[in-house]
């Protein structure tokens, strides 16, 4: 089995949670990423201790406590995790065949076809994500909110008004619960020279494209932006309140700095469990209702410490990309019942803004600022536009690869192989469960326009029991959706489960589908249920017999073989209550 090398890393971001997004001109003018600026240090602001590098990679199996949960000691749960991002440029841009590129920092570094043909700096730089310098004080290892000595004397101009000298470039809203600890880094793919060479001759900025595209000196010029033209800002946060003390929140915002729209853009996460002697690292289960992958140790033994039971762990997808192009397609891309909702349209799309949110543009009570107490939602107030993740028409996860990809021919160092695995993986089925040491999850493809920023927000959560882990994941999701408001973490269960006998009918997955889909629901207590599938004429085309079901999360697979394409309705009855979900069959 492969282990991460100690110098490998990962991930993304731009201050989309900061007061304003910096102009693309400022981001383009910032320093280019370089491996020479690589730094690493420990983040330990709550129950999780983790090694973080400023090019986005988290963890390292060769360093003690590099990804550990304090209640189980120094046991390392993850070799590492990172963001991956890929897209395509068609022949109309390059004059050649379309090509796919993936930016990452996986165990296999991307290598030149012929390293000896290039200048000497190539042996010192790496392709993929590299840290952008000057976001850390000289001589320090990791930028920490709690330690002003790690802050640069003057923040780079690319942060714009979101950072002032001597002030932390805050990620949260004014009304949010401050994080106990936070680290921030910036990276880009400007050193990825793979596609500047013949036959693609691709440069993300038109102004950098040489008149003579066959000049090797230009291909490898370290002062010219290469790659896909991506810039990423990473924020990793820790809180100490309630179940949040067992969570690590990771916010990645990626901006397309190129002059071209990136087609078929997909990004997601790579996670590799720590290798154990058994080589059976864990059993994973995908939970569509929580957009999470739950993991438990295969043999329930911590090597060298058999008296301590290993933790259960979840990788949670809190927010997936929302794109301007996506928001204009007249479709409900995230199956939340809303179509083309937006965080910038001046409309309370999901209708959750209320009198308690009428705090004015600064989101704080009693300041008398514009919009406070006027009875209307104002930009900056809680539960409205940019402060409400639910008002983004997000894409969905489309692939999940669990297992041992190194043994299945998967080649992380090859762009085409990596891209298509990220895009298709093994498509989610009824319940994706299995033994694995690597998880690779990817989003549905979308177009990212020049200057556009998209977000991937994730978390890693630990607990000693499956039931406790579920409660913490639900709590964290509520905390994130609320804009990190203190009052959102008081409840221990979802509001939908607070009433006796309540039921949640989750979105089916996949949707659209062919030939079948999985219905998922959660019962607050045991009870009898009836499920049927109804066509547009109101006729039942599939019907399950009434049966007693236990409390908790459950799934039922429904096959639509023999039925025509179109819209159907899943109807679930329990007691005197009826719940329904729209299903779309596409042949």
Protein backbone atom coordinates (compact mmCIF):
# COMPACT_ATOMS: atom_id res chain seq x y z
CA UNK A 1 0.00 0.00 0.00
CA UNK A 2 1.17 3.53 -0.74
CA UNK A 3 1.88 6.05 1.99
CA UNK A 4 1.92 9.82 1.55
CA UNK A 5 5.38 11.25 1.31
CA UNK A 6 6.10 13.79 4.05
CA UNK A 7 6.33 16.68 1.61
CA UNK A 8 2.98 16.22 -0.12
CA UNK A 9 -0.08 18.41 0.45
CA UNK A 10 -3.49 19.92 -0.72
CA UNK A 11 -6.74 22.16 -1.00
CA UNK A 12 -8.43 25.61 -1.88
CA UNK A 13 -10.21 29.05 -1.24
CA UNK A 14 -11.03 32.88 -1.66
CA UNK A 15 -12.61 34.98 1.09
CA UNK A 16 -16.22 34.43 0.03
CA UNK A 17 -17.22 34.60 3.70
CA UNK A 18 -15.15 37.73 4.16
CA UNK A 19 -16.90 41.12 3.69
CA UNK A 20 -16.29 41.23 -0.07
CA UNK A 21 -14.61 39.33 -2.86
CA UNK A 22 -11.44 41.00 -4.09
CA UNK A 23 -11.41 42.08 -7.75
CA UNK A 24 -9.89 39.58 -10.15
CA UNK A 25 -7.29 42.18 -11.13
CA UNK A 26 -5.94 42.15 -7.55
CA UNK A 27 -5.87 38.36 -7.45
CA UNK A 28 -4.03 38.15 -10.77
CA UNK A 29 -1.46 40.68 -9.56
CA UNK A 30 -0.59 38.65 -6.46
CA UNK A 31 2.61 36.64 -6.27
CA UNK A 32 2.64 33.28 -8.06
CA UNK A 33 2.67 30.09 -6.03
CA UNK A 34 5.98 28.37 -5.43
CA UNK A 35 7.09 25.20 -3.68
CA UNK A 36 9.84 27.27 -2.08
CA UNK A 37 7.22 28.95 0.14
CA UNK A 38 6.03 25.64 1.56
CA UNK A 39 5.42 25.63 5.34
CA UNK A 40 3.66 23.33 7.78
CA UNK A 41 2.51 23.37 11.39
CA UNK A 42 0.00 21.92 13.83
CA UNK A 43 -3.58 23.05 14.35
CA UNK A 44 -4.92 21.96 17.74
CA UNK A 45 -7.71 24.32 18.75
CA UNK A 46 -10.11 21.61 19.94
CA UNK A 47 -10.23 17.81 20.32
CA UNK A 48 -8.65 17.31 16.87
CA UNK A 49 -4.92 17.73 16.28
CA UNK A 50 -3.87 17.96 12.65
CA UNK A 51 -0.77 18.79 10.62
CA UNK A 52 -1.57 21.50 8.06
CA UNK A 53 0.49 22.71 5.13
CA UNK A 54 0.00 26.00 3.33
CA UNK A 55 -0.55 24.33 -0.03
CA UNK A 56 -3.74 22.73 1.28
CA UNK A 57 -2.65 19.26 2.32
CA UNK A 58 -3.81 18.04 5.74
CA UNK A 59 -2.20 15.19 7.71
CA UNK A 60 0.84 12.95 7.30
CA UNK A 61 1.08 9.33 8.44
CA UNK A 62 4.81 9.67 9.15
CA UNK A 63 4.43 12.49 11.70
CA UNK A 64 3.05 11.75 15.22
CA UNK A 65 -0.39 13.28 15.93
CA UNK A 66 -0.71 14.42 12.31
CA UNK A 67 -4.46 13.64 12.27
CA UNK A 68 -5.56 12.46 15.69
CA UNK A 69 -8.57 12.74 18.01
CA UNK A 70 -7.54 13.42 21.61
CA UNK A 71 -9.95 10.99 23.37
CA UNK A 72 -8.16 8.11 21.60
CA UNK A 73 -4.66 9.43 22.13
CA UNK A 74 -2.09 9.97 19.40
CA UNK A 75 -3.51 7.39 16.98
CA UNK A 76 -3.42 8.80 13.42
CA UNK A 77 -6.69 8.26 11.56
CA UNK A 78 -5.80 9.78 8.18
CA UNK A 79 -2.68 9.65 6.06
CA UNK A 80 -3.96 12.85 4.54
CA UNK A 81 -6.72 14.64 2.68
CA UNK A 82 -6.81 17.28 0.01
CA UNK A 83 -8.90 19.05 -2.60
CA UNK A 84 -8.84 18.04 -6.24
CA UNK A 85 -10.12 20.17 -9.10
CA UNK A 86 -10.25 19.54 -12.82
CA UNK A 87 -11.73 20.86 -16.02
CA UNK A 88 -11.42 20.99 -19.79
CA UNK A 89 -10.59 23.46 -22.50
CA UNK A 90 -12.08 22.77 -25.96
CA UNK A 91 -10.31 22.98 -29.27
CA UNK A 92 -11.78 26.44 -29.98
CA UNK A 93 -9.44 27.79 -27.28
CA UNK A 94 -6.26 25.92 -28.13
CA UNK A 95 -6.79 25.05 -31.78
CA UNK A 96 -6.16 21.43 -30.81
CA UNK A 97 -8.17 18.59 -29.37
CA UNK A 98 -9.88 19.20 -26.01
CA UNK A 99 -7.75 18.32 -23.01
CA UNK A 100 -8.48 17.65 -19.36
CA UNK A 101 -6.35 18.84 -16.47
CA UNK A 102 -6.55 18.00 -12.77
CA UNK A 103 -4.91 20.12 -10.09
CA UNK A 104 -4.11 18.32 -6.87
CA UNK A 105 -1.27 17.21 -4.68
CA UNK A 106 -1.73 13.49 -4.50
CA UNK A 107 0.86 10.84 -3.60
CA UNK A 108 2.19 10.86 -7.15
CA UNK A 109 3.63 14.24 -8.16
CA UNK A 110 3.07 15.22 -11.75
CA UNK A 111 6.31 14.89 -13.70
CA UNK A 112 7.61 16.31 -16.94
CA UNK A 113 7.76 13.98 -19.88
CA UNK A 114 11.45 14.80 -20.07
CA UNK A 115 12.69 16.74 -17.01
CA UNK A 116 16.18 17.04 -18.47
CA UNK A 117 14.82 19.18 -21.30
CA UNK A 118 13.76 22.03 -19.02
CA UNK A 119 15.58 24.65 -16.94
CA UNK A 120 17.03 23.87 -13.51
CA UNK A 121 14.16 25.43 -11.53
CA UNK A 122 11.88 22.61 -12.69
CA UNK A 123 13.65 20.19 -10.37
CA UNK A 124 12.76 22.47 -7.45
CA UNK A 125 9.13 23.22 -8.33
CA UNK A 126 6.14 20.90 -8.42
CA UNK A 127 3.14 20.88 -10.69
CA UNK A 128 -0.30 21.22 -9.18
CA UNK A 129 -1.06 23.33 -6.08
CA UNK A 130 1.75 25.46 -4.68
CA UNK A 131 1.52 28.00 -1.83
CA UNK A 132 1.40 31.70 -2.65
CA UNK A 133 4.03 33.48 -0.47
CA UNK A 134 3.66 36.46 1.87
CA UNK A 135 0.62 35.13 3.77
CA UNK A 136 2.82 34.25 6.74
CA UNK A 137 5.35 36.15 8.84
CA UNK A 138 9.00 35.36 7.97
CA UNK A 139 10.43 32.46 9.97
CA UNK A 140 7.02 31.13 11.08
CA UNK A 141 5.60 27.68 10.28
CA UNK A 142 1.83 28.20 10.17
CA UNK A 143 -0.49 31.21 10.07
CA UNK A 144 -2.71 31.07 13.18
CA UNK A 145 -5.52 33.38 14.22
CA UNK A 146 -4.52 32.94 17.88
CA UNK A 147 -0.91 34.03 17.30
CA UNK A 148 -0.47 37.53 15.77
CA UNK A 149 3.29 36.86 15.64
CA UNK A 150 2.56 34.55 12.68
CA UNK A 151 0.74 37.29 10.75
CA UNK A 152 2.55 39.23 8.02
CA UNK A 153 3.23 42.86 8.91
CA UNK A 154 1.07 43.88 5.95
CA UNK A 155 -1.40 41.52 4.32
CA UNK A 156 -1.03 41.08 0.53
CA UNK A 157 -3.09 43.55 -1.51
CA UNK A 158 -5.03 40.66 -3.07
CA UNK A 159 -7.14 40.41 0.09
CA UNK A 160 -8.44 43.93 -0.53
CA UNK A 161 -10.52 45.44 2.26
CA UNK A 162 -11.03 42.07 3.95
CA UNK A 163 -7.68 42.39 5.74
CA UNK A 164 -6.17 45.38 7.49
CA UNK A 165 -2.73 45.60 9.15
CA UNK A 166 -2.91 44.06 12.60
CA UNK A 167 -6.39 42.61 11.97
CA UNK A 168 -7.22 38.98 11.14
CA UNK A 169 -8.87 38.62 7.69
CA UNK A 170 -12.08 37.22 9.18
CA UNK A 171 -13.86 34.40 7.45
CA UNK A 172 -17.13 34.65 9.37
CA UNK A 173 -20.00 37.09 9.51
CA UNK A 174 -20.21 39.70 12.29
CA UNK A 175 -23.02 37.79 13.99
CA UNK A 176 -21.17 34.46 13.92
CA UNK A 177 -19.64 32.51 16.77
CA UNK A 178 -15.88 33.22 16.50
CA UNK A 179 -13.70 30.20 15.86
CA UNK A 180 -11.37 29.20 18.69
CA UNK A 181 -8.63 28.64 16.11
CA UNK A 182 -8.26 29.22 12.39
CA UNK A 183 -5.56 29.02 9.77
CA UNK A 184 -5.59 30.58 6.34
CA UNK A 185 -3.51 29.95 3.21
CA UNK A 186 -3.53 30.72 -0.50
CA UNK A 187 -2.36 28.50 -3.34
CA UNK A 188 -2.52 28.37 -7.12
CA UNK A 189 -1.66 26.07 -10.02
CA UNK A 190 0.58 28.58 -11.81
CA UNK A 191 3.58 26.21 -12.03
CA UNK A 192 1.75 23.43 -13.88
CA UNK A 193 3.58 23.64 -17.22
CA UNK A 194 2.16 20.41 -18.64
CA UNK A 195 -0.20 22.01 -21.17
CA UNK A 196 1.94 24.97 -22.21
CA UNK A 197 3.90 22.60 -24.39
CA UNK A 198 3.03 21.34 -27.86
CA UNK A 199 0.43 20.22 -28.96
CA UNK A 200 -1.81 22.22 -26.58
CA UNK A 201 0.21 25.43 -26.14
CA UNK A 202 -2.31 26.62 -23.57
CA UNK A 203 -1.88 29.66 -21.33
CA UNK A 204 -4.75 30.77 -19.07
CA UNK A 205 -4.12 34.48 -19.76
CA UNK A 206 -4.29 35.70 -23.34
CA UNK A 207 -1.63 38.30 -22.59
CA UNK A 208 0.84 35.52 -21.69
CA UNK A 209 0.31 33.52 -24.87
CA UNK A 210 3.50 33.78 -26.95
CA UNK A 211 3.53 34.62 -30.64
CA UNK A 212 5.83 31.65 -31.14
CA UNK A 213 4.23 28.80 -29.26
CA UNK A 214 7.09 26.39 -29.81
CA UNK A 215 9.58 28.28 -27.64
CA UNK A 216 10.58 26.06 -24.65
CA UNK A 217 11.88 29.10 -22.76
CA UNK A 218 8.33 30.43 -22.71
CA UNK A 219 6.77 27.06 -21.84
CA UNK A 220 8.69 26.91 -18.58
CA UNK A 221 8.96 30.63 -17.71
CA UNK A 222 8.38 30.69 -13.91
CA UNK A 223 7.02 34.26 -14.08
CA UNK A 224 4.09 33.32 -16.32
CA UNK A 225 0.85 31.88 -14.95
CA UNK A 226 0.20 28.36 -16.23
CA UNK A 227 -2.12 25.49 -15.31
CA UNK A 228 -5.87 26.12 -15.51
CA UNK A 229 -5.48 29.60 -14.06
CA UNK A 230 -6.93 28.57 -10.69
CA UNK A 231 -6.35 30.36 -7.41
CA UNK A 232 -7.56 28.82 -4.15
CA UNK A 233 -7.90 30.10 -0.61
CA UNK A 234 -8.12 27.65 2.28
CA UNK A 235 -9.61 28.24 5.69
CA UNK A 236 -9.51 25.56 8.37
CA UNK A 237 -11.48 26.33 11.53
CA UNK A 238 -12.03 24.79 14.96
CA UNK A 239 -14.60 25.57 17.66
CA UNK A 240 -14.81 24.31 21.23
CA UNK A 241 -18.60 24.58 21.81
CA UNK A 242 -20.62 21.38 22.28
CA UNK A 243 -20.20 18.76 19.55
CA UNK A 244 -18.22 21.30 17.48
CA UNK A 245 -15.18 20.49 19.61
CA UNK A 246 -14.92 17.19 17.68
CA UNK A 247 -15.13 18.80 14.22
CA UNK A 248 -12.62 20.25 11.77
CA UNK A 249 -14.23 22.64 9.26
CA UNK A 250 -12.52 23.17 5.90
CA UNK A 251 -13.68 25.93 3.51
CA UNK A 252 -12.18 26.00 0.03
CA UNK A 253 -12.98 28.81 -2.44
CA UNK A 254 -11.58 28.57 -5.96
CA UNK A 255 -11.47 31.45 -8.45
CA UNK A 256 -11.04 31.06 -12.19
CA UNK A 257 -8.39 33.69 -12.99
CA UNK A 258 -8.13 32.68 -16.65
CA UNK A 259 -9.58 34.52 -19.64
CA UNK A 260 -11.60 31.44 -20.56
CA UNK A 261 -14.60 29.63 -19.09
CA UNK A 262 -13.53 26.29 -17.67
CA UNK A 263 -15.77 23.56 -19.06
CA UNK A 264 -16.83 20.40 -17.25
CA UNK A 265 -15.31 21.71 -14.04
CA UNK A 266 -15.48 19.18 -11.24
CA UNK A 267 -13.88 19.16 -7.86
CA UNK A 268 -14.07 17.28 -4.63
CA UNK A 269 -11.95 15.56 -2.04
CA UNK A 270 -9.28 12.92 -1.68
CA UNK A 271 -8.96 11.16 1.66
CA UNK A 272 -6.61 8.31 2.51
CA UNK A 273 -6.97 6.37 5.74
CA UNK A 274 -3.93 5.41 7.73
CA UNK A 275 -2.54 2.09 6.62
CA UNK A 276 -2.61 -0.62 9.27
CA UNK A 277 -0.98 -4.02 9.46
CA UNK A 278 -4.23 -5.72 8.41
CA UNK A 279 -4.48 -3.54 5.29
CA UNK A 280 -8.21 -3.40 6.02
CA UNK A 281 -8.44 0.18 7.12
CA UNK A 282 -12.17 0.70 7.44
CA UNK A 283 -15.77 0.18 6.40
CA UNK A 284 -17.49 3.17 4.80
CA UNK A 285 -21.17 3.96 4.28
CA UNK A 286 -22.46 6.85 2.18
CA UNK A 287 -25.34 8.77 3.81
CA UNK A 288 -27.18 10.80 1.13
CA UNK A 289 -29.46 12.34 3.78
CA UNK A 290 -26.43 13.93 5.45
CA UNK A 291 -24.19 14.31 2.37
CA UNK A 292 -21.61 12.41 4.37
CA UNK A 293 -19.45 9.31 4.33
CA UNK A 294 -19.33 7.50 7.67
CA UNK A 295 -16.31 5.37 8.50
CA UNK A 296 -15.57 2.83 11.20
CA UNK A 297 -12.37 0.90 11.81
CA UNK A 298 -12.35 -2.56 10.25
CA UNK A 299 -11.16 -4.59 13.25
CA UNK A 300 -11.91 -2.07 16.03
CA UNK A 301 -8.31 -2.26 17.19
CA UNK A 302 -5.75 0.53 17.49
CA UNK A 303 -2.32 -0.98 16.74
CA UNK A 304 -0.14 -0.85 19.83
CA UNK A 305 -3.01 0.22 22.05
CA UNK A 306 -5.63 -2.57 22.09
CA UNK A 307 -7.26 -1.21 25.26
CA UNK A 308 -8.63 1.86 23.45
CA UNK A 309 -11.52 1.57 21.01
CA UNK A 310 -11.00 3.57 17.80
CA UNK A 311 -13.32 6.45 16.96
CA UNK A 312 -15.99 6.52 14.28
CA UNK A 313 -15.54 9.32 11.78
CA UNK A 314 -17.50 11.21 9.12
CA UNK A 315 -16.44 13.23 6.10
CA UNK A 316 -19.23 15.79 5.69
CA UNK A 317 -19.95 17.84 2.56
CA UNK A 318 -21.49 21.06 3.94
CA UNK A 319 -21.57 23.10 0.74
CA UNK A 320 -20.96 22.12 -2.86
CA UNK A 321 -20.27 24.46 -5.81
CA UNK A 322 -22.83 26.99 -6.94
CA UNK A 323 -22.10 28.58 -10.31
CA UNK A 324 -23.52 31.59 -12.12
CA UNK A 325 -23.91 29.41 -15.19
CA UNK A 326 -25.59 26.72 -13.09
CA UNK A 327 -28.03 29.19 -11.55
CA UNK A 328 -29.47 30.15 -14.93
CA UNK A 329 -30.48 26.69 -16.17
CA UNK A 330 -34.08 26.66 -14.86
CA UNK A 331 -33.41 23.42 -12.97
CA UNK A 332 -33.41 22.33 -9.33
CA UNK A 333 -29.80 21.17 -9.36
CA UNK A 334 -29.56 20.32 -5.66
CA UNK A 335 -33.04 18.75 -5.31
CA UNK A 336 -34.06 21.11 -2.51
CA UNK A 337 -37.36 22.20 -4.07
CA UNK A 338 -36.00 25.57 -5.23
CA UNK A 339 -35.07 26.49 -8.79
CA UNK A 340 -32.18 28.82 -9.66
CA UNK A 341 -31.95 30.25 -6.16
CA UNK A 342 -29.12 32.72 -5.67
CA UNK A 343 -27.18 34.34 -2.83
CA UNK A 344 -26.92 37.62 -4.78
CA UNK A 345 -30.42 38.21 -6.21
CA UNK A 346 -31.90 40.27 -3.34
CA UNK A 347 -34.61 37.66 -2.75
CA UNK A 348 -35.13 35.49 0.32
CA UNK A 349 -35.33 32.40 -1.89
CA UNK A 350 -35.93 29.83 0.82
CA UNK A 351 -38.20 32.05 2.94
CA UNK A 352 -36.35 31.57 6.23
CA UNK A 353 -35.57 35.24 6.97
CA UNK A 354 -37.65 36.51 9.91
CA UNK A 355 -38.04 39.33 12.48
CA UNK A 356 -35.13 37.98 14.54
CA UNK A 357 -32.87 38.48 11.51
CA UNK A 358 -33.81 42.16 10.97
CA UNK A 359 -30.43 43.40 12.23
CA UNK A 360 -29.29 45.62 9.38
CA UNK A 361 -26.42 45.37 6.93
CA UNK A 362 -23.79 44.63 9.58
CA UNK A 363 -25.76 41.67 11.00
CA UNK A 364 -25.45 43.06 14.54
CA UNK A 365 -28.29 44.26 16.81
CA UNK A 366 -28.56 47.77 18.20
CA UNK A 367 -26.17 49.54 15.82
CA UNK A 368 -28.83 51.51 13.92
CA UNK A 369 -27.23 50.74 10.57
CA UNK A 370 -29.14 50.73 7.23
CA UNK A 371 -31.91 48.14 7.14
CA UNK A 372 -32.10 47.47 10.87
CA UNK A 373 -35.69 47.08 12.06
CA UNK A 374 -37.27 48.03 8.73
CA UNK A 375 -39.15 44.74 8.32
CA UNK A 376 -37.33 43.89 5.08
CA UNK A 377 -34.36 41.59 4.43
CA UNK A 378 -31.12 43.50 3.88
CA UNK A 379 -27.86 42.21 2.41
CA UNK A 380 -25.65 41.23 5.36
CA UNK A 381 -28.47 40.13 7.65
CA UNK A 382 -28.67 36.47 8.77
CA UNK A 383 -30.61 33.99 6.61
CA UNK A 384 -30.50 36.21 3.54
CA UNK A 385 -28.47 36.12 0.33
CA UNK A 386 -24.70 35.78 0.94
CA UNK A 387 -25.21 34.79 4.59
CA UNK A 388 -27.42 31.81 3.65
CA UNK A 389 -25.81 28.76 1.97
CA UNK A 390 -29.29 27.34 1.31
CA UNK A 391 -29.90 30.15 -1.19
CA UNK A 392 -27.29 28.74 -3.55
CA UNK A 393 -28.45 26.37 -6.30
CA UNK A 394 -25.63 23.96 -5.69
CA UNK A 395 -24.46 21.11 -7.83
CA UNK A 396 -24.38 17.61 -6.32
CA UNK A 397 -21.85 14.90 -5.68
CA UNK A 398 -21.83 12.62 -8.70
CA UNK A 399 -19.13 10.08 -7.92
CA UNK A 400 -17.68 8.26 -4.97
CA UNK A 401 -14.74 5.92 -5.23
CA UNK A 402 -14.15 3.75 -2.17
CA UNK A 403 -11.55 1.04 -2.07
CA UNK A 404 -7.99 0.46 -3.16
CA UNK A 405 -7.61 2.42 -6.43
CA UNK A 406 -3.88 1.70 -6.66
CA UNK A 407 -4.77 -1.95 -7.18
CA UNK A 408 -7.44 -1.17 -9.79
CA UNK A 409 -5.30 0.65 -12.33
CA UNK A 410 -6.18 4.17 -11.17
CA UNK A 411 -3.25 6.51 -11.87
CA UNK A 412 -3.40 9.75 -9.86
CA UNK A 413 -0.42 11.18 -11.74
CA UNK A 414 -2.19 10.96 -15.12
CA UNK A 415 -4.60 13.81 -15.78
CA UNK A 416 -7.06 11.95 -18.02
CA UNK A 417 -7.27 8.97 -15.68
CA UNK A 418 -7.65 11.15 -12.61
CA UNK A 419 -10.22 13.45 -14.20
CA UNK A 420 -12.52 10.71 -15.46
CA UNK A 421 -12.27 8.83 -12.16
CA UNK A 422 -13.16 12.01 -10.30
CA UNK A 423 -16.06 12.63 -12.66
CA UNK A 424 -17.51 9.12 -12.69
CA UNK A 425 -15.81 7.12 -9.92
CA UNK A 426 -18.36 4.51 -8.98
CA UNK A 427 -21.71 6.26 -9.17
CA UNK A 428 -23.67 6.24 -5.92
CA UNK A 429 -25.89 3.22 -5.55
CA UNK A 430 -28.48 2.25 -2.93
CA UNK A 431 -25.96 2.45 -0.12
CA UNK A 432 -22.28 2.62 -0.95
CA UNK A 433 -20.71 0.44 1.69
CA UNK A 434 -17.40 -1.29 1.62
CA UNK A 435 -13.87 -1.77 2.78
CA UNK A 436 -11.56 1.02 1.67
CA UNK A 437 -8.42 2.96 2.31
CA UNK A 438 -9.02 5.77 -0.20
CA UNK A 439 -12.06 7.95 -0.75
CA UNK A 440 -12.32 10.11 -3.86
CA UNK A 441 -15.52 12.14 -4.20
CA UNK A 442 -16.36 14.43 -7.10
CA UNK A 443 -19.11 16.88 -7.98
CA UNK A 444 -21.27 17.05 -11.06
CA UNK A 445 -19.49 19.02 -13.80
CA UNK A 446 -20.31 22.69 -14.30
CA UNK A 447 -18.97 25.70 -16.17
CA UNK A 448 -16.92 28.21 -14.18
CA UNK A 449 -16.82 31.59 -15.88
CA UNK A 450 -13.78 33.90 -15.92
CA UNK A 451 -13.54 35.63 -12.55
CA UNK A 452 -16.09 33.33 -10.92
CA UNK A 453 -15.56 31.75 -7.49
CA UNK A 454 -16.98 28.41 -6.39
CA UNK A 455 -16.89 26.83 -2.96
CA UNK A 456 -16.35 23.43 -1.39
CA UNK A 457 -17.00 23.33 2.36
CA UNK A 458 -16.29 20.11 4.23
CA UNK A 459 -15.76 18.86 7.74
CA UNK A 460 -14.25 15.86 9.50
CA UNK A 461 -16.17 14.84 12.63
CA UNK A 462 -15.25 12.27 15.31
CA UNK A 463 -17.22 10.44 18.00
CA UNK A 464 -17.03 7.23 19.99
CA UNK A 465 -20.40 5.88 18.73
CA UNK A 466 -22.37 5.90 15.48
CA UNK A 467 -25.40 7.47 17.17
CA UNK A 468 -23.31 10.23 18.70
CA UNK A 469 -21.61 10.88 15.37
CA UNK A 470 -24.94 11.29 13.56
CA UNK A 471 -26.10 13.84 16.15
CA UNK A 472 -22.86 15.82 15.78
CA UNK A 473 -23.10 15.83 11.97
CA UNK A 474 -26.68 17.11 12.10
CA UNK A 475 -25.64 19.76 14.61
CA UNK A 476 -22.72 20.86 12.44
CA UNK A 477 -24.87 21.08 9.32
CA UNK A 478 -27.37 23.26 11.17
CA UNK A 479 -24.51 25.45 12.48
CA UNK A 480 -23.11 25.93 8.97
CA UNK A 481 -26.48 26.65 7.34
CA UNK A 482 -27.22 29.32 9.98
CA UNK A 483 -24.07 31.28 9.16
CA UNK A 484 -22.30 29.98 12.29
CA UNK A 485 -24.90 31.44 14.68
CA UNK A 486 -24.59 30.52 18.36
CA UNK A 487 -28.30 29.74 18.77
CA UNK A 488 -28.17 27.08 16.05
CA UNK A 489 -26.12 24.63 18.14
CA UNK A 490 -28.50 24.51 21.12
CA UNK A 491 -30.79 21.79 19.72
CA UNK A 492 -29.57 18.20 19.82
CA UNK A 493 -31.67 16.89 16.91
CA UNK A 494 -33.04 18.15 13.62
CA UNK A 495 -36.23 20.21 13.98
CA UNK A 496 -37.95 17.75 11.66
CA UNK A 497 -37.45 14.99 14.23
CA UNK A 498 -38.53 16.93 17.31
CA UNK A 499 -42.16 15.80 17.25
CA UNK A 500 -43.08 12.24 18.30
CA UNK A 501 -43.64 10.00 15.33
CA UNK A 502 -42.10 12.53 12.92
CA UNK A 503 -40.53 11.35 9.68
CA UNK A 504 -38.12 12.88 7.20
CA UNK A 505 -38.33 11.80 3.55
CA UNK A 506 -34.92 12.69 2.13
CA UNK A 507 -34.16 13.45 -1.52
CA UNK A 508 -33.79 10.27 -3.54
CA UNK A 509 -30.42 9.44 -5.07
CA UNK A 510 -29.57 9.55 -7.84
CA UNK A 511 -32.08 11.96 -9.36
CA UNK A 512 -32.52 12.00 -12.35
CA UNK A 513 -31.91 8.26 -12.66
CA UNK A 514 -32.05 5.18 -14.87
CA UNK A 515 -33.20 2.49 -14.26
CA UNK A 516 -33.68 2.81 -10.49
CA UNK A 517 -33.25 5.11 -7.53
CA UNK A 518 -33.01 4.88 -3.75
CA UNK A 519 -35.59 6.38 -1.43
CA UNK A 520 -34.19 7.40 1.95
CA UNK A 521 -36.10 8.31 5.08
CA UNK A 522 -35.59 8.73 8.81
CA UNK A 523 -38.13 7.65 11.44
CA UNK A 524 -37.99 9.27 14.86
CA UNK A 525 -39.53 6.14 16.40
CA UNK A 526 -40.58 2.67 15.20
CA UNK A 527 -43.77 2.51 13.17
CA UNK A 528 -45.60 1.14 10.15
CA UNK A 529 -45.04 2.76 6.75
CA UNK A 530 -46.53 2.45 3.26
CA UNK A 531 -44.66 3.48 0.11
CA UNK A 532 -45.91 3.80 -3.45
CA UNK A 533 -44.72 5.39 -6.70
CA UNK A 534 -47.30 7.42 -8.60
CA UNK A 535 -47.20 8.52 -12.26
CA UNK A 536 -48.44 11.94 -13.55
CA UNK A 537 -51.97 10.50 -13.92
CA UNK A 538 -52.07 9.65 -10.24
CA UNK A 539 -51.81 5.91 -10.89
CA UNK A 540 -49.69 3.77 -8.57
CA UNK A 541 -47.01 2.09 -10.73
CA UNK A 542 -44.99 0.60 -7.87
CA UNK A 543 -46.27 -0.24 -4.42
CA UNK A 544 -44.57 -1.71 -1.37
CA UNK A 545 -46.62 -3.59 1.23
CA UNK A 546 -47.18 -1.94 4.59
CA UNK A 547 -44.45 -2.97 7.00
CA UNK A 548 -43.13 -2.16 10.44
CA UNK A 549 -39.84 -0.28 10.41
CA UNK A 550 -37.42 0.56 13.25
CA UNK A 551 -36.42 4.10 14.15
CA UNK A 552 -33.50 5.71 12.33
CA UNK A 553 -32.19 6.25 8.82
CA UNK A 554 -33.28 3.68 6.20
CA UNK A 555 -33.33 3.17 2.43
CA UNK A 556 -35.46 1.35 -0.15
CA UNK A 557 -34.32 0.79 -3.73
CA UNK A 558 -36.98 1.16 -6.43
CA UNK A 559 -36.51 -0.21 -9.95
CA UNK A 560 -38.29 1.58 -12.80
CA UNK A 561 -37.54 -0.98 -15.54
CA UNK A 562 -40.36 -1.01 -18.09
CA UNK A 563 -41.67 2.45 -17.19
CA UNK A 564 -41.45 5.43 -19.57
CA UNK A 565 -39.29 8.47 -18.95
CA UNK A 566 -40.88 11.27 -17.01
CA UNK A 567 -41.79 12.70 -13.65
CA UNK A 568 -43.01 10.43 -10.85
CA UNK A 569 -43.93 10.95 -7.23
CA UNK A 570 -42.75 8.88 -4.29
CA UNK A 571 -45.45 8.84 -1.60
CA UNK A 572 -44.69 7.65 1.93
CA UNK A 573 -47.43 7.30 4.54
CA UNK A 574 -47.07 6.73 8.26
CA UNK A 575 -49.99 7.03 10.67
CA UNK A 576 -52.10 9.90 9.36
CA UNK A 577 -49.23 11.72 7.69
CA UNK A 578 -48.26 11.72 4.01
CA UNK A 579 -44.89 12.74 2.60
CA UNK A 580 -43.85 12.97 -1.08
CA UNK A 581 -40.82 13.56 -3.30
CA UNK A 582 -40.52 14.21 -7.06
CA UNK A 583 -38.54 11.62 -9.02
CA UNK A 584 -37.24 12.02 -12.58
CA UNK A 585 -36.67 8.95 -14.78
CA UNK A 586 -34.56 9.63 -17.89
CA UNK A 587 -34.00 6.91 -20.47
